[in-house]
Amino acid sequence: MSSQPMTEEERAAFQAAALARLRNPPERVVPDRLFVEAAVELRIQEYDVLQRLTQQDYNELMDEVVAGTVGRMTDERRTELHAGDLELIQQRVGVGVDACIARYEQAQQPLRFVRGDRVVCNIGGDCPWASGSIQATHEEDPADPTGQTVLPYVVKIDPPEGRLISVPTDEVYVCRAEVCFGQREDGLEWTSYCLPPPAAKPAAKPRRFAAGDRVACAVEDPSDAYSVWAAGTVVAVDVTLDEATLYGEHVSGGGAAHTLPYRVQLDSGAAVLAHRDEHWLVRDLALQAEGQRQGAGGARCLARMERREVAEGEWQRVDHQTRQVRSCAPPESDSEEE
């Protein structure tokens, strides 16, 4: 249906009304921001009775909730708070405070690993796990624009990946200790995830142990979440395995050969492979007793250099990589670290 053209009288009336609006614009509605801030502050105090929020988080939460409430009131041309505004303020404050407290508590939880620890991480894809080193702990998640999410770890994956990854949770199905594998049926598979690429292998150097030597090997504990030192005997040095043996159906025609430093027969009966000749995987049993290597509550026995008392007033410094033992002065305090 077509509209009828305006008459001269209607056109004149329309122009007069438009001119009046230009000369007398409607008064802009400005909500009382101070009143809104007082309402938000009251809700934060009610929700955070113990005043656990940091000053920065408190200010950011205030700004966010106040701005959202004032914006809503402005859009609806209101100057006074309604019941709906108060409900929305309470909801947003509750969510914000809970998120901050959860982040604080997560940061206070003792992590299984520390910076520099060697781990194997779930990265997905055809080769779902890869070895690497912990670069940082308790890092803000760059993918979260609110800054509320804290990552337990940032890990640099070994070459050829050579990239930083975010570890979202401190769970064994995401991140686990790099150890000598073989206690479980999938030991070869786990060993394959930790092998350096052939081009990245260092020049040959004398092995630290020989066949028949008694050693302590880093292996999984029963939970797989932590690791222990387990006694065993070196039964083979420079163990050669082709990729078909390591990777099974993933490689055709045998593939390149990998030389692993040791095969160790544990006293428990299992045989494990040591894929690197490093102190954090294999140690002299005379210098490293069986026991916890890395456990709950921050228990750790991983340092290369160790100072210990062998008799009253007699101290030694042990280098677990070179196996050298030297006399040394006692530590200045029980809490002194190497």
C-alpha atoms as a PDB file:
ATOM      1  CA  MET A   1       0.000   0.000   0.000  1.00  0.00           C
ATOM      2  CA  SER A   2       1.450   3.377  -1.035  1.00  0.00           C
ATOM      3  CA  SER A   3       1.368   6.248   1.438  1.00  0.00           C
ATOM      4  CA  GLN A   4      -0.411   9.483   0.635  1.00  0.00           C
ATOM      5  CA  PRO A   5       1.787  12.567   0.207  1.00  0.00           C
ATOM      6  CA  MET A   6       1.634  15.068   3.078  1.00  0.00           C
ATOM      7  CA  THR A   7      -0.510  18.106   2.664  1.00  0.00           C
ATOM      8  CA  GLU A   8       0.993  21.552   2.974  1.00  0.00           C
ATOM      9  CA  GLU A   9      -0.462  21.854   6.489  1.00  0.00           C
ATOM     10  CA  GLU A  10       1.002  18.485   7.566  1.00  0.00           C
ATOM     11  CA  ARG A  11       4.400  19.350   6.093  1.00  0.00           C
ATOM     12  CA  ALA A  12       4.468  22.665   7.920  1.00  0.00           C
ATOM     13  CA  ALA A  13       3.516  20.985  11.212  1.00  0.00           C
ATOM     14  CA  PHE A  14       6.258  18.336  10.771  1.00  0.00           C
ATOM     15  CA  GLN A  15       8.918  20.962  10.081  1.00  0.00           C
ATOM     16  CA  ALA A  16       7.831  22.998  13.087  1.00  0.00           C
ATOM     17  CA  ALA A  17       8.046  19.948  15.372  1.00  0.00           C
ATOM     18  CA  ALA A  18      11.540  19.049  14.065  1.00  0.00           C
ATOM     19  CA  LEU A  19      12.742  22.605  14.571  1.00  0.00           C
ATOM     20  CA  ALA A  20      11.390  22.587  18.127  1.00  0.00           C
ATOM     21  CA  ARG A  21      13.315  19.411  18.934  1.00  0.00           C
ATOM     22  CA  LEU A  22      16.508  20.938  17.601  1.00  0.00           C
ATOM     23  CA  ARG A  23      16.017  24.081  19.655  1.00  0.00           C
ATOM     24  CA  ASN A  24      14.982  22.190  22.815  1.00  0.00           C
ATOM     25  CA  PRO A  25      16.676  18.763  22.866  1.00  0.00           C
ATOM     26  CA  PRO A  26      15.494  16.331  25.549  1.00  0.00           C
ATOM     27  CA  GLU A  27      17.500  16.467  28.755  1.00  0.00           C
ATOM     28  CA  ARG A  28      20.258  13.820  28.869  1.00  0.00           C
ATOM     29  CA  VAL A  29      19.733  11.271  31.625  1.00  0.00           C
ATOM     30  CA  VAL A  30      22.860  10.837  33.760  1.00  0.00           C
ATOM     31  CA  PRO A  31      22.729   8.059  36.408  1.00  0.00           C
ATOM     32  CA  ASP A  32      24.201   8.853  39.812  1.00  0.00           C
ATOM     33  CA  ARG A  33      27.540   7.024  39.486  1.00  0.00           C
ATOM     34  CA  LEU A  34      28.486   7.580  43.122  1.00  0.00           C
ATOM     35  CA  PHE A  35      25.277   5.909  44.241  1.00  0.00           C
ATOM     36  CA  VAL A  36      26.008   2.956  41.942  1.00  0.00           C
ATOM     37  CA  GLU A  37      29.566   2.698  43.277  1.00  0.00           C
ATOM     38  CA  ALA A  38      28.244   2.633  46.841  1.00  0.00           C
ATOM     39  CA  ALA A  39      25.872  -0.203  45.957  1.00  0.00           C
ATOM     40  CA  VAL A  40      28.634  -2.239  44.306  1.00  0.00           C
ATOM     41  CA  GLU A  41      31.062  -1.605  47.163  1.00  0.00           C
ATOM     42  CA  LEU A  42      28.470  -2.817  49.666  1.00  0.00           C
ATOM     43  CA  ARG A  43      27.942  -6.048  47.719  1.00  0.00           C
ATOM     44  CA  ILE A  44      31.684  -6.704  47.492  1.00  0.00           C
ATOM     45  CA  GLN A  45      32.060  -6.205  51.233  1.00  0.00           C
ATOM     46  CA  GLU A  46      29.152  -8.561  51.897  1.00  0.00           C
ATOM     47  CA  TYR A  47      30.572 -11.223  49.568  1.00  0.00           C
ATOM     48  CA  ASP A  48      34.232 -10.846  50.535  1.00  0.00           C
ATOM     49  CA  VAL A  49      33.835 -10.677  54.308  1.00  0.00           C
ATOM     50  CA  LEU A  50      37.438 -11.746  54.935  1.00  0.00           C
ATOM     51  CA  GLN A  51      38.725  -9.080  52.529  1.00  0.00           C
ATOM     52  CA  ARG A  52      40.768 -11.543  50.520  1.00  0.00           C
ATOM     53  CA  LEU A  53      40.692  -9.568  47.277  1.00  0.00           C
ATOM     54  CA  THR A  54      43.870  -7.762  46.342  1.00  0.00           C
ATOM     55  CA  GLN A  55      43.589  -4.021  45.792  1.00  0.00           C
ATOM     56  CA  GLN A  56      44.059  -4.473  42.055  1.00  0.00           C
ATOM     57  CA  ASP A  57      41.350  -7.129  41.785  1.00  0.00           C
ATOM     58  CA  TYR A  58      39.033  -5.049  43.983  1.00  0.00           C
ATOM     59  CA  ASN A  59      39.465  -1.979  41.768  1.00  0.00           C
ATOM     60  CA  GLU A  60      39.028  -3.947  38.543  1.00  0.00           C
ATOM     61  CA  LEU A  61      35.865  -5.638  39.822  1.00  0.00           C
ATOM     62  CA  MET A  62      34.454  -2.293  40.980  1.00  0.00           C
ATOM     63  CA  ASP A  63      35.132  -0.658  37.607  1.00  0.00           C
ATOM     64  CA  GLU A  64      33.656  -3.556  35.650  1.00  0.00           C
ATOM     65  CA  VAL A  65      30.408  -3.850  37.613  1.00  0.00           C
ATOM     66  CA  VAL A  66      29.873  -0.094  37.968  1.00  0.00           C
ATOM     67  CA  ALA A  67      30.452   0.524  34.259  1.00  0.00           C
ATOM     68  CA  GLY A  68      28.045  -2.244  33.290  1.00  0.00           C
ATOM     69  CA  THR A  69      25.335  -0.993  35.636  1.00  0.00           C
ATOM     70  CA  VAL A  70      25.683   2.673  34.637  1.00  0.00           C
ATOM     71  CA  GLY A  71      25.639   1.703  30.982  1.00  0.00           C
ATOM     72  CA  ARG A  72      22.428  -0.244  31.423  1.00  0.00           C
ATOM     73  CA  MET A  73      20.750   2.626  33.295  1.00  0.00           C
ATOM     74  CA  THR A  74      21.858   5.125  30.641  1.00  0.00           C
ATOM     75  CA  ASP A  75      20.471   2.979  27.831  1.00  0.00           C
ATOM     76  CA  GLU A  76      17.134   2.769  29.659  1.00  0.00           C
ATOM     77  CA  ARG A  77      17.206   6.489  30.538  1.00  0.00           C
ATOM     78  CA  ARG A  78      17.056   5.898  34.283  1.00  0.00           C
ATOM     79  CA  THR A  79      18.769   7.745  37.112  1.00  0.00           C
ATOM     80  CA  GLU A  80      17.779   5.452  39.963  1.00  0.00           C
ATOM     81  CA  LEU A  81      18.698   1.867  40.729  1.00  0.00           C
ATOM     82  CA  HIS A  82      15.925  -0.695  40.350  1.00  0.00           C
ATOM     83  CA  ALA A  83      15.603  -4.083  42.007  1.00  0.00           C
ATOM     84  CA  GLY A  84      16.824  -5.682  38.781  1.00  0.00           C
ATOM     85  CA  ASP A  85      20.006  -3.605  38.921  1.00  0.00           C
ATOM     86  CA  LEU A  86      20.727  -4.735  42.462  1.00  0.00           C
ATOM     87  CA  GLU A  87      20.200  -8.377  41.515  1.00  0.00           C
ATOM     88  CA  LEU A  88      22.558  -8.014  38.552  1.00  0.00           C
ATOM     89  CA  ILE A  89      25.165  -6.292  40.739  1.00  0.00           C
ATOM     90  CA  GLN A  90      24.966  -9.093  43.286  1.00  0.00           C
ATOM     91  CA  GLN A  91      25.331 -11.728  40.567  1.00  0.00           C
ATOM     92  CA  ARG A  92      28.316 -10.054  38.885  1.00  0.00           C
ATOM     93  CA  VAL A  93      30.072  -9.392  42.190  1.00  0.00           C
ATOM     94  CA  GLY A  94      29.593 -13.007  43.269  1.00  0.00           C
ATOM     95  CA  VAL A  95      31.025 -14.382  40.036  1.00  0.00           C
ATOM     96  CA  GLY A  96      33.964 -11.958  40.146  1.00  0.00           C
ATOM     97  CA  VAL A  97      34.888 -12.605  43.776  1.00  0.00           C
ATOM     98  CA  ASP A  98      34.608 -16.387  43.335  1.00  0.00           C
ATOM     99  CA  ALA A  99      36.899 -16.273  40.302  1.00  0.00           C
ATOM    100  CA  CYS A 100      39.530 -14.255  42.178  1.00  0.00           C
ATOM    101  CA  ILE A 101      39.460 -16.522  45.234  1.00  0.00           C
ATOM    102  CA  ALA A 102      39.720 -19.629  43.036  1.00  0.00           C
ATOM    103  CA  ARG A 103      42.770 -18.117  41.339  1.00  0.00           C
ATOM    104  CA  TYR A 104      44.397 -17.344  44.702  1.00  0.00           C
ATOM    105  CA  GLU A 105      43.775 -20.863  45.993  1.00  0.00           C
ATOM    106  CA  GLN A 106      45.101 -22.437  42.825  1.00  0.00           C
ATOM    107  CA  ALA A 107      48.275 -20.391  43.072  1.00  0.00           C
ATOM    108  CA  GLN A 108      48.770 -21.543  46.674  1.00  0.00           C
ATOM    109  CA  GLN A 109      48.469 -25.236  45.826  1.00  0.00           C
ATOM    110  CA  PRO A 110      51.874 -26.974  45.797  1.00  0.00           C
ATOM    111  CA  LEU A 111      52.681 -28.079  42.269  1.00  0.00           C
ATOM    112  CA  ARG A 112      54.293 -31.403  41.415  1.00  0.00           C
ATOM    113  CA  PHE A 113      57.057 -29.777  39.379  1.00  0.00           C
ATOM    114  CA  VAL A 114      59.285 -26.710  39.577  1.00  0.00           C
ATOM    115  CA  ARG A 115      61.081 -24.628  36.977  1.00  0.00           C
ATOM    116  CA  GLY A 116      63.695 -26.703  35.148  1.00  0.00           C
ATOM    117  CA  ASP A 117      62.071 -30.096  35.762  1.00  0.00           C
ATOM    118  CA  ARG A 118      61.893 -32.527  32.859  1.00  0.00           C
ATOM    119  CA  VAL A 119      58.366 -33.628  31.945  1.00  0.00           C
ATOM    120  CA  VAL A 120      56.313 -35.304  29.230  1.00  0.00           C
ATOM    121  CA  CYS A 121      53.226 -33.373  28.090  1.00  0.00           C
ATOM    122  CA  ASN A 122      50.061 -34.269  26.227  1.00  0.00           C
ATOM    123  CA  ILE A 123      50.117 -32.173  23.032  1.00  0.00           C
ATOM    124  CA  GLY A 124      47.617 -34.198  20.974  1.00  0.00           C
ATOM    125  CA  GLY A 125      48.028 -35.149  17.316  1.00  0.00           C
ATOM    126  CA  ASP A 126      49.623 -38.246  15.781  1.00  0.00           C
ATOM    127  CA  CYS A 127      52.372 -38.214  18.416  1.00  0.00           C
ATOM    128  CA  PRO A 128      50.272 -37.174  21.407  1.00  0.00           C
ATOM    129  CA  TRP A 129      53.036 -36.765  24.001  1.00  0.00           C
ATOM    130  CA  ALA A 130      56.323 -34.849  23.897  1.00  0.00           C
ATOM    131  CA  SER A 131      59.142 -34.256  26.362  1.00  0.00           C
ATOM    132  CA  GLY A 132      60.269 -30.823  27.489  1.00  0.00           C
ATOM    133  CA  SER A 133      61.337 -28.615  30.386  1.00  0.00           C
ATOM    134  CA  ILE A 134      59.268 -26.520  32.782  1.00  0.00           C
ATOM    135  CA  GLN A 135      59.944 -22.858  31.962  1.00  0.00           C
ATOM    136  CA  ALA A 136      57.527 -21.165  34.386  1.00  0.00           C
ATOM    137  CA  THR A 137      54.903 -21.947  37.019  1.00  0.00           C
ATOM    138  CA  HIS A 138      51.710 -20.142  38.103  1.00  0.00           C
ATOM    139  CA  GLU A 139      51.496 -18.095  34.904  1.00  0.00           C
ATOM    140  CA  GLU A 140      48.448 -16.113  33.783  1.00  0.00           C
ATOM    141  CA  ASP A 141      46.717 -17.717  30.802  1.00  0.00           C
ATOM    142  CA  PRO A 142      47.262 -15.441  27.755  1.00  0.00           C
ATOM    143  CA  ALA A 143      44.110 -16.898  26.209  1.00  0.00           C
ATOM    144  CA  ASP A 144      41.981 -15.503  29.065  1.00  0.00           C
ATOM    145  CA  PRO A 145      41.446 -11.751  28.554  1.00  0.00           C
ATOM    146  CA  THR A 146      40.127 -11.417  32.118  1.00  0.00           C
ATOM    147  CA  GLY A 147      43.428 -12.589  33.596  1.00  0.00           C
ATOM    148  CA  GLN A 148      41.538 -14.840  36.009  1.00  0.00           C
ATOM    149  CA  THR A 149      42.947 -18.179  34.787  1.00  0.00           C
ATOM    150  CA  VAL A 150      46.316 -19.307  36.127  1.00  0.00           C
ATOM    151  CA  LEU A 151      48.311 -21.972  34.305  1.00  0.00           C
ATOM    152  CA  PRO A 152      50.262 -24.353  36.543  1.00  0.00           C
ATOM    153  CA  TYR A 153      53.050 -24.679  33.969  1.00  0.00           C
ATOM    154  CA  VAL A 154      54.539 -23.270  30.800  1.00  0.00           C
ATOM    155  CA  VAL A 155      56.690 -25.927  29.106  1.00  0.00           C
ATOM    156  CA  LYS A 156      59.181 -25.677  26.267  1.00  0.00           C
ATOM    157  CA  ILE A 157      58.874 -28.794  24.147  1.00  0.00           C
ATOM    158  CA  ASP A 158      62.137 -30.326  22.917  1.00  0.00           C
ATOM    159  CA  PRO A 159      63.200 -30.012  19.253  1.00  0.00           C
ATOM    160  CA  PRO A 160      62.035 -30.449  16.579  1.00  0.00           C
ATOM    161  CA  GLU A 161      58.857 -28.887  18.070  1.00  0.00           C
ATOM    162  CA  GLY A 162      60.845 -26.403  20.140  1.00  0.00           C
ATOM    163  CA  ARG A 163      57.795 -24.362  21.117  1.00  0.00           C
ATOM    164  CA  LEU A 164      56.234 -23.130  24.339  1.00  0.00           C
ATOM    165  CA  ILE A 165      52.976 -24.726  25.404  1.00  0.00           C
ATOM    166  CA  SER A 166      50.513 -23.970  28.177  1.00  0.00           C
ATOM    167  CA  VAL A 167      49.710 -26.792  30.587  1.00  0.00           C
ATOM    168  CA  PRO A 168      46.124 -26.142  31.747  1.00  0.00           C
ATOM    169  CA  THR A 169      46.035 -28.400  34.805  1.00  0.00           C
ATOM    170  CA  ASP A 170      48.479 -30.200  37.094  1.00  0.00           C
ATOM    171  CA  GLU A 171      47.170 -33.686  36.350  1.00  0.00           C
ATOM    172  CA  VAL A 172      48.970 -36.851  35.262  1.00  0.00           C
ATOM    173  CA  TYR A 173      46.849 -37.188  32.107  1.00  0.00           C
ATOM    174  CA  VAL A 174      48.226 -33.819  30.937  1.00  0.00           C
ATOM    175  CA  CYS A 175      51.761 -33.669  32.337  1.00  0.00           C
ATOM    176  CA  ARG A 176      53.965 -36.324  33.962  1.00  0.00           C
ATOM    177  CA  ALA A 177      57.581 -36.773  34.996  1.00  0.00           C
ATOM    178  CA  GLU A 178      60.128 -37.870  32.398  1.00  0.00           C
ATOM    179  CA  VAL A 179      61.643 -41.063  33.820  1.00  0.00           C
ATOM    180  CA  CYS A 180      63.128 -44.389  32.727  1.00  0.00           C
ATOM    181  CA  PHE A 181      60.129 -46.187  31.295  1.00  0.00           C
ATOM    182  CA  GLY A 182      59.520 -49.925  31.179  1.00  0.00           C
ATOM    183  CA  GLN A 183      57.605 -50.800  34.343  1.00  0.00           C
ATOM    184  CA  ARG A 184      54.349 -50.687  32.366  1.00  0.00           C
ATOM    185  CA  GLU A 185      53.424 -52.519  29.168  1.00  0.00           C
ATOM    186  CA  ASP A 186      53.571 -49.258  27.191  1.00  0.00           C
ATOM    187  CA  GLY A 187      57.125 -48.485  28.319  1.00  0.00           C
ATOM    188  CA  LEU A 188      58.575 -48.480  24.789  1.00  0.00           C
ATOM    189  CA  GLU A 189      55.913 -46.048  23.641  1.00  0.00           C
ATOM    190  CA  TRP A 190      56.725 -43.633  26.454  1.00  0.00           C
ATOM    191  CA  THR A 191      60.442 -43.988  25.750  1.00  0.00           C
ATOM    192  CA  SER A 192      59.816 -43.067  22.105  1.00  0.00           C
ATOM    193  CA  TYR A 193      58.151 -39.799  23.141  1.00  0.00           C
ATOM    194  CA  CYS A 194      61.331 -38.729  24.950  1.00  0.00           C
ATOM    195  CA  LEU A 195      63.990 -39.551  22.351  1.00  0.00           C
ATOM    196  CA  PRO A 196      65.895 -36.626  20.829  1.00  0.00           C
ATOM    197  CA  PRO A 197      65.805 -36.466  17.004  1.00  0.00           C
ATOM    198  CA  PRO A 198      68.863 -38.083  15.374  1.00  0.00           C
ATOM    199  CA  ALA A 199      70.248 -34.740  14.170  1.00  0.00           C
ATOM    200  CA  ALA A 200      70.052 -33.299  17.679  1.00  0.00           C
ATOM    201  CA  LYS A 201      72.024 -36.098  19.345  1.00  0.00           C
ATOM    202  CA  PRO A 202      75.237 -34.896  21.043  1.00  0.00           C
ATOM    203  CA  ALA A 203      78.634 -36.255  20.137  1.00  0.00           C
ATOM    204  CA  ALA A 204      79.449 -39.645  21.613  1.00  0.00           C
ATOM    205  CA  LYS A 205      81.020 -39.537  25.066  1.00  0.00           C
ATOM    206  CA  PRO A 206      82.005 -42.194  27.584  1.00  0.00           C
ATOM    207  CA  ARG A 207      79.095 -43.711  29.431  1.00  0.00           C
ATOM    208  CA  ARG A 208      78.914 -43.095  33.170  1.00  0.00           C
ATOM    209  CA  PHE A 209      78.148 -46.735  33.944  1.00  0.00           C
ATOM    210  CA  ALA A 210      79.113 -50.176  32.674  1.00  0.00           C
ATOM    211  CA  ALA A 211      77.280 -53.483  32.520  1.00  0.00           C
ATOM    212  CA  GLY A 212      76.986 -54.924  36.008  1.00  0.00           C
ATOM    213  CA  ASP A 213      77.023 -51.567  37.802  1.00  0.00           C
ATOM    214  CA  ARG A 214      74.441 -51.019  40.494  1.00  0.00           C
ATOM    215  CA  VAL A 215      72.348 -47.930  39.882  1.00  0.00           C
ATOM    216  CA  ALA A 216      69.275 -46.054  41.049  1.00  0.00           C
ATOM    217  CA  CYS A 217      66.802 -45.352  38.235  1.00  0.00           C
ATOM    218  CA  ALA A 218      64.095 -42.721  38.096  1.00  0.00           C
ATOM    219  CA  VAL A 219      60.789 -44.536  37.553  1.00  0.00           C
ATOM    220  CA  GLU A 220      57.079 -43.890  38.038  1.00  0.00           C
ATOM    221  CA  ASP A 221      55.542 -44.432  41.444  1.00  0.00           C
ATOM    222  CA  PRO A 222      52.378 -46.615  41.620  1.00  0.00           C
ATOM    223  CA  SER A 223      50.134 -43.608  40.923  1.00  0.00           C
ATOM    224  CA  ASP A 224      52.150 -42.411  37.877  1.00  0.00           C
ATOM    225  CA  ALA A 225      51.715 -38.886  39.275  1.00  0.00           C
ATOM    226  CA  TYR A 226      55.102 -38.869  41.031  1.00  0.00           C
ATOM    227  CA  SER A 227      58.448 -40.635  40.733  1.00  0.00           C
ATOM    228  CA  VAL A 228      60.878 -42.649  42.862  1.00  0.00           C
ATOM    229  CA  TRP A 229      64.456 -43.891  42.779  1.00  0.00           C
ATOM    230  CA  ALA A 230      64.492 -47.677  42.270  1.00  0.00           C
ATOM    231  CA  ALA A 231      67.518 -49.961  42.632  1.00  0.00           C
ATOM    232  CA  GLY A 232      68.694 -52.042  39.702  1.00  0.00           C
ATOM    233  CA  THR A 233      71.625 -53.382  37.705  1.00  0.00           C
ATOM    234  CA  VAL A 234      72.841 -52.223  34.306  1.00  0.00           C
ATOM    235  CA  VAL A 235      72.473 -55.237  31.991  1.00  0.00           C
ATOM    236  CA  ALA A 236      73.284 -53.540  28.659  1.00  0.00           C
ATOM    237  CA  VAL A 237      75.049 -50.398  27.479  1.00  0.00           C
ATOM    238  CA  ASP A 238      74.323 -48.539  24.200  1.00  0.00           C
ATOM    239  CA  VAL A 239      71.149 -50.412  23.460  1.00  0.00           C
ATOM    240  CA  THR A 240      70.181 -50.132  19.787  1.00  0.00           C
ATOM    241  CA  LEU A 241      66.513 -50.150  18.856  1.00  0.00           C
ATOM    242  CA  ASP A 242      65.090 -49.398  15.424  1.00  0.00           C
ATOM    243  CA  GLU A 243      62.088 -47.159  15.023  1.00  0.00           C
ATOM    244  CA  ALA A 244      59.862 -50.085  14.098  1.00  0.00           C
ATOM    245  CA  THR A 245      60.533 -51.578  17.516  1.00  0.00           C
ATOM    246  CA  LEU A 246      59.962 -48.249  19.236  1.00  0.00           C
ATOM    247  CA  TYR A 247      56.983 -47.000  17.279  1.00  0.00           C
ATOM    248  CA  GLY A 248      55.437 -50.249  16.043  1.00  0.00           C
ATOM    249  CA  GLU A 249      52.917 -49.801  13.259  1.00  0.00           C
ATOM    250  CA  HIS A 250      53.707 -46.070  12.943  1.00  0.00           C
ATOM    251  CA  VAL A 251      56.962 -46.859  11.049  1.00  0.00           C
ATOM    252  CA  SER A 252      57.412 -49.054   7.992  1.00  0.00           C
ATOM    253  CA  GLY A 253      60.649 -50.655   6.808  1.00  0.00           C
ATOM    254  CA  GLY A 254      62.436 -50.526  10.157  1.00  0.00           C
ATOM    255  CA  GLY A 255      63.363 -46.840  10.081  1.00  0.00           C
ATOM    256  CA  ALA A 256      66.449 -45.302  11.645  1.00  0.00           C
ATOM    257  CA  ALA A 257      68.138 -46.846  14.655  1.00  0.00           C
ATOM    258  CA  HIS A 258      68.276 -45.158  18.067  1.00  0.00           C
ATOM    259  CA  THR A 259      70.986 -45.879  20.619  1.00  0.00           C
ATOM    260  CA  LEU A 260      69.851 -45.676  24.218  1.00  0.00           C
ATOM    261  CA  PRO A 261      72.485 -45.484  26.987  1.00  0.00           C
ATOM    262  CA  TYR A 262      71.268 -48.298  29.237  1.00  0.00           C
ATOM    263  CA  ARG A 263      68.901 -51.139  29.851  1.00  0.00           C
ATOM    264  CA  VAL A 264      68.509 -51.678  33.600  1.00  0.00           C
ATOM    265  CA  GLN A 265      67.038 -54.680  35.377  1.00  0.00           C
ATOM    266  CA  LEU A 266      65.296 -53.387  38.474  1.00  0.00           C
ATOM    267  CA  ASP A 267      65.386 -55.384  41.694  1.00  0.00           C
ATOM    268  CA  SER A 268      61.579 -55.407  41.467  1.00  0.00           C
ATOM    269  CA  GLY A 269      61.830 -57.561  38.326  1.00  0.00           C
ATOM    270  CA  ALA A 270      60.960 -54.981  35.673  1.00  0.00           C
ATOM    271  CA  ALA A 271      63.405 -53.901  32.955  1.00  0.00           C
ATOM    272  CA  VAL A 272      63.577 -50.199  32.053  1.00  0.00           C
ATOM    273  CA  LEU A 273      65.352 -48.186  29.382  1.00  0.00           C
ATOM    274  CA  ALA A 274      67.397 -45.101  30.202  1.00  0.00           C
ATOM    275  CA  HIS A 275      67.052 -42.873  27.131  1.00  0.00           C
ATOM    276  CA  ARG A 276      69.525 -40.234  28.399  1.00  0.00           C
ATOM    277  CA  ASP A 277      72.733 -40.612  30.396  1.00  0.00           C
ATOM    278  CA  GLU A 278      71.815 -37.895  32.908  1.00  0.00           C
ATOM    279  CA  HIS A 279      71.865 -37.731  36.707  1.00  0.00           C
ATOM    280  CA  TRP A 280      68.133 -37.032  36.850  1.00  0.00           C
ATOM    281  CA  LEU A 281      67.469 -40.440  35.242  1.00  0.00           C
ATOM    282  CA  VAL A 282      70.292 -42.719  36.455  1.00  0.00           C
ATOM    283  CA  ARG A 283      72.518 -42.442  39.527  1.00  0.00           C
ATOM    284  CA  ASP A 284      75.113 -44.496  41.346  1.00  0.00           C
ATOM    285  CA  LEU A 285      73.251 -46.621  43.892  1.00  0.00           C
ATOM    286  CA  ALA A 286      76.126 -46.120  46.344  1.00  0.00           C
ATOM    287  CA  LEU A 287      75.375 -42.372  46.255  1.00  0.00           C
ATOM    288  CA  GLN A 288      71.602 -42.399  45.767  1.00  0.00           C
ATOM    289  CA  ALA A 289      69.467 -44.657  47.937  1.00  0.00           C
ATOM    290  CA  GLU A 290      66.071 -45.948  46.900  1.00  0.00           C
ATOM    291  CA  GLY A 291      63.161 -43.713  47.834  1.00  0.00           C
ATOM    292  CA  GLN A 292      61.101 -40.708  46.892  1.00  0.00           C
ATOM    293  CA  ARG A 293      62.400 -38.698  43.953  1.00  0.00           C
ATOM    294  CA  GLN A 294      59.561 -36.247  43.555  1.00  0.00           C
ATOM    295  CA  GLY A 295      56.380 -36.562  45.581  1.00  0.00           C
ATOM    296  CA  ALA A 296      53.337 -34.957  47.152  1.00  0.00           C
ATOM    297  CA  GLY A 297      53.780 -31.882  49.296  1.00  0.00           C
ATOM    298  CA  GLY A 298      56.888 -30.720  47.477  1.00  0.00           C
ATOM    299  CA  ALA A 299      59.152 -33.663  48.417  1.00  0.00           C
ATOM    300  CA  ARG A 300      62.115 -33.611  46.038  1.00  0.00           C
ATOM    301  CA  CYS A 301      65.391 -35.470  45.540  1.00  0.00           C
ATOM    302  CA  LEU A 302      66.565 -34.243  42.148  1.00  0.00           C
ATOM    303  CA  ALA A 303      69.449 -31.813  42.670  1.00  0.00           C
ATOM    304  CA  ARG A 304      72.676 -32.666  40.901  1.00  0.00           C
ATOM    305  CA  MET A 305      74.777 -31.382  43.792  1.00  0.00           C
ATOM    306  CA  GLU A 306      74.013 -32.746  47.244  1.00  0.00           C
ATOM    307  CA  ARG A 307      75.618 -31.997  50.599  1.00  0.00           C
ATOM    308  CA  ARG A 308      75.214 -34.685  53.227  1.00  0.00           C
ATOM    309  CA  GLU A 309      76.557 -35.689  56.637  1.00  0.00           C
ATOM    310  CA  VAL A 310      78.333 -39.064  56.587  1.00  0.00           C
ATOM    311  CA  ALA A 311      79.426 -38.982  60.235  1.00  0.00           C
ATOM    312  CA  GLU A 312      79.092 -36.589  63.113  1.00  0.00           C
ATOM    313  CA  GLY A 313      80.630 -33.321  61.965  1.00  0.00           C
ATOM    314  CA  GLU A 314      81.840 -34.862  58.670  1.00  0.00           C
ATOM    315  CA  TRP A 315      80.191 -33.610  55.486  1.00  0.00           C
ATOM    316  CA  GLN A 316      80.537 -34.471  51.812  1.00  0.00           C
ATOM    317  CA  ARG A 317      79.473 -32.819  48.573  1.00  0.00           C
ATOM    318  CA  VAL A 318      78.221 -35.295  45.985  1.00  0.00           C
ATOM    319  CA  ASP A 319      78.028 -34.574  42.255  1.00  0.00           C
ATOM    320  CA  HIS A 320      75.494 -37.085  40.948  1.00  0.00           C
ATOM    321  CA  GLN A 321      76.438 -36.428  37.313  1.00  0.00           C
ATOM    322  CA  THR A 322      80.187 -37.029  37.603  1.00  0.00           C
ATOM    323  CA  ARG A 323      79.888 -39.297  40.695  1.00  0.00           C
ATOM    324  CA  GLN A 324      82.626 -37.290  42.403  1.00  0.00           C
ATOM    325  CA  VAL A 325      82.547 -37.018  46.199  1.00  0.00           C
ATOM    326  CA  ARG A 326      84.486 -34.401  48.115  1.00  0.00           C
ATOM    327  CA  SER A 327      84.722 -33.305  51.726  1.00  0.00           C
ATOM    328  CA  CYS A 328      83.073 -29.991  52.452  1.00  0.00           C
ATOM    329  CA  ALA A 329      82.062 -27.655  55.246  1.00  0.00           C
ATOM    330  CA  PRO A 330      78.701 -28.192  56.951  1.00  0.00           C
ATOM    331  CA  PRO A 331      75.786 -26.035  55.789  1.00  0.00           C
ATOM    332  CA  GLU A 332      75.150 -22.829  57.687  1.00  0.00           C
ATOM    333  CA  SER A 333      71.564 -23.888  58.419  1.00  0.00           C
ATOM    334  CA  ASP A 334      69.292 -26.888  58.024  1.00  0.00           C
ATOM    335  CA  SER A 335      67.361 -25.065  55.312  1.00  0.00           C
ATOM    336  CA  GLU A 336      70.385 -24.213  53.152  1.00  0.00           C
ATOM    337  CA  GLU A 337      69.921 -25.412  49.585  1.00  0.00           C
ATOM    338  CA  GLU A 338      72.446 -26.312  46.958  1.00  0.00           C
END
